[in-house]
Amino acid sequence: MAIKPYTKIIENIEKHSNIFIFHHIRPDGDCLGAQQGLGFAILKRFPKKRVFFVGDNENIFSFLNFHFDNVNLIKDVFFENSLAITVDTADIKRIQNLDFFLNSNFKTRVKIDHHPDILESIYNEKWIDPTFSATSEMIGFLLKEENWEIDEEISQFIYLGILTDSGRFSFSSTSSRTFAVASFLLKANFNFTKLNWFLSKKSEEEVAFYAYVLANYKKKK
């Protein structure tokens, strides 16, 4: 029987009591969706574990209920039997809170990413697969294949990551697997039309900019 590409990731989640999940600097929908979706899915499946969400959404997608932990308030005891996971971060230099990631006494470090692999020796395990449209799709695929229980919030976070990184299913990285994962997420009955509405919403400044461009458009002969 072929070994599933995420087997080592699950094994590490199972054997560590304290899990820290990191996203990249200048966050986007994929890194935030993957981080939040995976973290809350872990808590749902393993309620006795502690999951720490490291980072900040920097005021983007503020209509969603993101959770982040203050790293300065995390007690030393939580670094015992601890696992650090980076999501959607190809280059270690792009990890938000990099000093915390490098200098904390994590027992194990793993990486989940859909960008081409970069050889970085700090990680104990990696799940890298550029055939996925988004790291969030990878997380959703794992949850789907392993029959992990999900809810509206988990599904919404992961769907956000897939939707934004696939260009709303318009980029060439979109595959039948992408739609299969999206279909799995939609079974949780989150309000995807509301999510689309918020993503399509424009500020007054943006509308004014587009209006100016259109009003002053001139075609060269």
Protein backbone atom coordinates (compact mmCIF):
# COMPACT_ATOMS: atom_id res chain seq x y z
CA MET A 1 0.00 0.00 0.00
CA ALA A 2 1.35 3.41 -0.99
CA ILE A 3 2.20 5.77 1.85
CA LYS A 4 0.03 8.88 1.84
CA PRO A 5 2.05 12.07 1.37
CA TYR A 6 0.74 13.60 4.58
CA THR A 7 1.19 10.52 6.80
CA LYS A 8 4.19 11.95 8.65
CA ILE A 9 2.34 15.22 9.19
CA ILE A 10 -0.53 13.43 10.91
CA GLU A 11 1.86 11.30 12.95
CA ASN A 12 3.60 14.41 14.22
CA ILE A 13 0.29 16.07 15.10
CA GLU A 14 -0.75 12.97 17.01
CA LYS A 15 2.42 12.65 19.08
CA HIS A 16 2.86 16.30 20.10
CA SER A 17 0.81 17.93 22.85
CA ASN A 18 1.46 21.56 21.92
CA ILE A 19 1.18 22.73 18.31
CA PHE A 20 2.25 26.12 16.96
CA ILE A 21 1.14 27.11 13.45
CA PHE A 22 2.91 29.89 11.51
CA HIS A 23 2.03 31.77 8.32
CA HIS A 24 4.08 34.03 6.05
CA ILE A 25 4.73 37.77 6.14
CA ARG A 26 2.35 39.99 4.19
CA PRO A 27 -0.40 37.41 4.75
CA ASP A 28 -2.92 36.42 2.11
CA GLY A 29 -6.05 34.30 2.02
CA ASP A 30 -4.19 31.04 1.53
CA CYS A 31 -1.72 31.23 4.40
CA LEU A 32 -4.41 32.51 6.78
CA GLY A 33 -7.00 29.99 5.63
CA ALA A 34 -4.55 27.11 5.90
CA GLN A 35 -3.34 28.16 9.34
CA GLN A 36 -6.75 28.79 10.87
CA GLY A 37 -8.46 25.86 9.15
CA LEU A 38 -5.78 23.36 10.14
CA GLY A 39 -5.53 24.67 13.69
CA PHE A 40 -9.23 24.49 14.42
CA ALA A 41 -9.49 21.09 12.71
CA ILE A 42 -6.76 19.78 15.03
CA LEU A 43 -8.59 21.15 18.06
CA LYS A 44 -11.81 19.53 16.91
CA ARG A 45 -10.19 16.13 16.42
CA PHE A 46 -7.83 16.31 19.42
CA PRO A 47 -9.55 18.53 22.02
CA LYS A 48 -6.90 17.85 24.66
CA LYS A 49 -4.12 19.35 22.55
CA ARG A 50 -3.15 23.00 22.68
CA VAL A 51 -2.89 24.88 19.40
CA PHE A 52 -1.23 28.29 19.17
CA PHE A 53 -1.88 30.50 16.16
CA VAL A 54 1.21 32.65 15.54
CA GLY A 55 0.98 35.79 13.42
CA ASP A 56 -1.50 38.49 12.46
CA ASN A 57 -3.96 38.98 9.61
CA GLU A 58 -2.86 42.63 9.35
CA ASN A 59 -6.45 43.85 8.94
CA ILE A 60 -7.20 41.84 5.80
CA PHE A 61 -10.36 39.71 5.63
CA SER A 62 -11.39 41.33 8.89
CA PHE A 63 -14.93 40.02 8.45
CA LEU A 64 -13.64 36.59 9.51
CA ASN A 65 -13.11 35.46 13.08
CA PHE A 66 -9.34 34.94 13.11
CA HIS A 67 -7.62 33.85 16.29
CA PHE A 68 -4.01 34.71 17.13
CA ASP A 69 -1.98 34.14 20.28
CA ASN A 70 0.37 36.64 21.88
CA VAL A 71 3.73 34.85 21.77
CA ASN A 72 4.97 36.91 24.72
CA LEU A 73 2.34 35.33 26.95
CA ILE A 74 3.02 31.69 26.08
CA LYS A 75 4.47 29.87 29.09
CA ASP A 76 7.64 27.77 28.82
CA VAL A 77 5.76 24.60 29.70
CA PHE A 78 4.00 24.70 26.33
CA PHE A 79 7.27 24.24 24.48
CA GLU A 80 7.61 20.77 25.98
CA ASN A 81 6.66 18.14 23.40
CA SER A 82 5.91 20.95 20.94
CA LEU A 83 5.42 20.93 17.18
CA ALA A 84 5.88 23.97 14.93
CA ILE A 85 4.10 23.91 11.56
CA THR A 86 4.64 26.46 8.80
CA VAL A 87 1.99 26.73 6.09
CA ASP A 88 2.26 28.29 2.63
CA THR A 89 5.77 29.56 3.34
CA ALA A 90 8.27 28.50 0.68
CA ASP A 91 11.24 30.39 2.10
CA ILE A 92 11.99 30.32 5.81
CA LYS A 93 12.91 34.02 5.62
CA ARG A 94 9.25 34.80 4.90
CA ILE A 95 7.88 33.31 8.13
CA GLN A 96 6.08 35.89 10.22
CA ASN A 97 7.58 35.90 13.74
CA LEU A 98 10.72 34.27 12.33
CA ASP A 99 12.79 34.90 15.46
CA PHE A 100 10.17 33.15 17.55
CA PHE A 101 10.15 30.22 15.11
CA LEU A 102 13.94 29.87 15.12
CA ASN A 103 14.72 30.59 18.76
CA SER A 104 11.93 28.71 20.53
CA ASN A 105 12.57 25.25 21.91
CA PHE A 106 10.29 23.36 19.56
CA LYS A 107 10.86 19.62 19.58
CA THR A 108 9.84 19.21 15.93
CA ARG A 109 9.33 21.49 12.92
CA VAL A 110 7.31 20.56 9.83
CA LYS A 111 6.35 22.37 6.65
CA ILE A 112 3.22 22.19 4.48
CA ASP A 113 3.42 24.10 1.22
CA HIS A 114 2.33 24.12 -2.42
CA HIS A 115 5.37 26.00 -3.71
CA PRO A 116 8.44 24.23 -5.14
CA ASP A 117 10.66 22.85 -2.41
CA ILE A 118 13.63 24.77 -1.04
CA LEU A 119 16.23 22.75 0.80
CA GLU A 120 16.03 23.95 4.39
CA SER A 121 17.57 21.69 7.00
CA ILE A 122 15.64 23.09 9.95
CA TYR A 123 12.54 21.01 9.16
CA ASN A 124 12.14 17.46 10.45
CA GLU A 125 9.37 16.65 7.97
CA LYS A 126 7.84 18.28 4.89
CA TRP A 127 4.76 17.85 2.78
CA ILE A 128 5.42 19.78 -0.42
CA ASP A 129 3.24 19.46 -3.52
CA PRO A 130 3.13 22.18 -6.20
CA THR A 131 0.30 20.38 -8.03
CA PHE A 132 -2.17 21.81 -5.51
CA SER A 133 -3.68 25.22 -6.25
CA ALA A 134 -3.21 26.30 -2.63
CA THR A 135 -1.84 25.08 0.68
CA SER A 136 -5.42 25.36 1.90
CA GLU A 137 -6.39 22.81 -0.74
CA MET A 138 -3.74 20.48 0.70
CA ILE A 139 -5.24 20.90 4.18
CA GLY A 140 -8.75 20.35 2.83
CA PHE A 141 -7.56 17.27 0.94
CA LEU A 142 -6.08 15.79 4.12
CA LEU A 143 -9.28 16.41 6.07
CA LYS A 144 -11.37 14.93 3.28
CA GLU A 145 -9.26 11.82 2.76
CA GLU A 146 -8.93 11.10 6.48
CA ASN A 147 -12.59 11.86 7.28
CA TRP A 148 -11.78 14.46 9.89
CA GLU A 149 -14.83 16.21 11.28
CA ILE A 150 -15.18 19.81 10.14
CA ASP A 151 -17.62 22.62 10.84
CA GLU A 152 -18.70 25.88 9.20
CA GLU A 153 -15.76 27.88 10.52
CA ILE A 154 -13.09 25.37 9.50
CA SER A 155 -14.63 25.01 6.05
CA GLN A 156 -14.89 28.75 5.54
CA PHE A 157 -11.23 29.34 6.38
CA ILE A 158 -9.99 26.61 4.03
CA TYR A 159 -12.38 27.66 1.26
CA LEU A 160 -11.07 31.22 1.56
CA GLY A 161 -7.54 29.99 0.89
CA ILE A 162 -8.54 27.90 -2.10
CA LEU A 163 -10.76 30.60 -3.58
CA THR A 164 -8.16 33.36 -3.36
CA ASP A 165 -5.13 31.34 -4.49
CA SER A 166 -6.95 29.72 -7.41
CA GLY A 167 -8.25 33.06 -8.68
CA ARG A 168 -11.77 31.90 -7.87
CA PHE A 169 -11.12 28.64 -9.71
CA SER A 170 -9.84 30.43 -12.82
CA PHE A 171 -6.08 29.70 -12.65
CA SER A 172 -4.53 26.72 -14.45
CA SER A 173 -3.59 25.20 -11.08
CA THR A 174 -7.30 24.47 -10.52
CA SER A 175 -8.03 20.77 -11.00
CA SER A 176 -10.80 18.25 -10.48
CA ARG A 177 -9.23 17.63 -7.07
CA THR A 178 -9.70 21.33 -6.24
CA PHE A 179 -13.42 21.05 -6.91
CA ALA A 180 -13.63 17.77 -4.99
CA VAL A 181 -12.12 19.43 -1.93
CA ALA A 182 -14.41 22.47 -2.36
CA SER A 183 -17.41 20.13 -2.58
CA PHE A 184 -16.32 18.44 0.65
CA LEU A 185 -16.08 21.82 2.37
CA LEU A 186 -19.48 22.96 1.14
CA LYS A 187 -21.08 20.00 2.91
CA ALA A 188 -20.44 21.88 6.16
CA ASN A 189 -23.03 24.42 4.99
CA PHE A 190 -21.03 27.60 5.56
CA ASN A 191 -22.30 30.72 3.83
CA PHE A 192 -20.06 30.77 0.74
CA THR A 193 -22.21 33.43 -0.97
CA LYS A 194 -21.55 35.79 1.94
CA LEU A 195 -17.83 35.06 1.70
CA ASN A 196 -17.90 35.83 -2.03
CA TRP A 197 -19.80 39.05 -1.35
CA PHE A 198 -17.18 40.26 1.14
CA LEU A 199 -14.35 39.36 -1.24
CA SER A 200 -16.05 41.32 -4.03
CA LYS A 201 -16.77 44.35 -1.89
CA LYS A 202 -14.90 47.52 -2.87
CA SER A 203 -14.02 50.50 -0.71
CA GLU A 204 -15.10 54.00 -1.73
CA GLU A 205 -11.47 54.77 -2.58
CA GLU A 206 -11.23 51.74 -4.86
CA VAL A 207 -14.48 52.64 -6.64
CA ALA A 208 -13.24 56.20 -7.12
CA PHE A 209 -9.96 54.95 -8.59
CA TYR A 210 -11.68 52.63 -11.06
CA ALA A 211 -14.12 55.42 -11.99
CA TYR A 212 -11.23 57.79 -12.68
CA VAL A 213 -9.42 55.24 -14.85
CA LEU A 214 -12.54 54.47 -16.89
CA ALA A 215 -13.48 58.15 -17.26
CA ASN A 216 -10.02 59.02 -18.53
CA TYR A 217 -9.47 56.01 -20.76
CA LYS A 218 -8.19 56.92 -24.21
CA LYS A 219 -7.41 54.53 -27.02
CA LYS A 220 -4.35 55.25 -29.08
CA LYS A 221 -4.86 55.09 -32.83
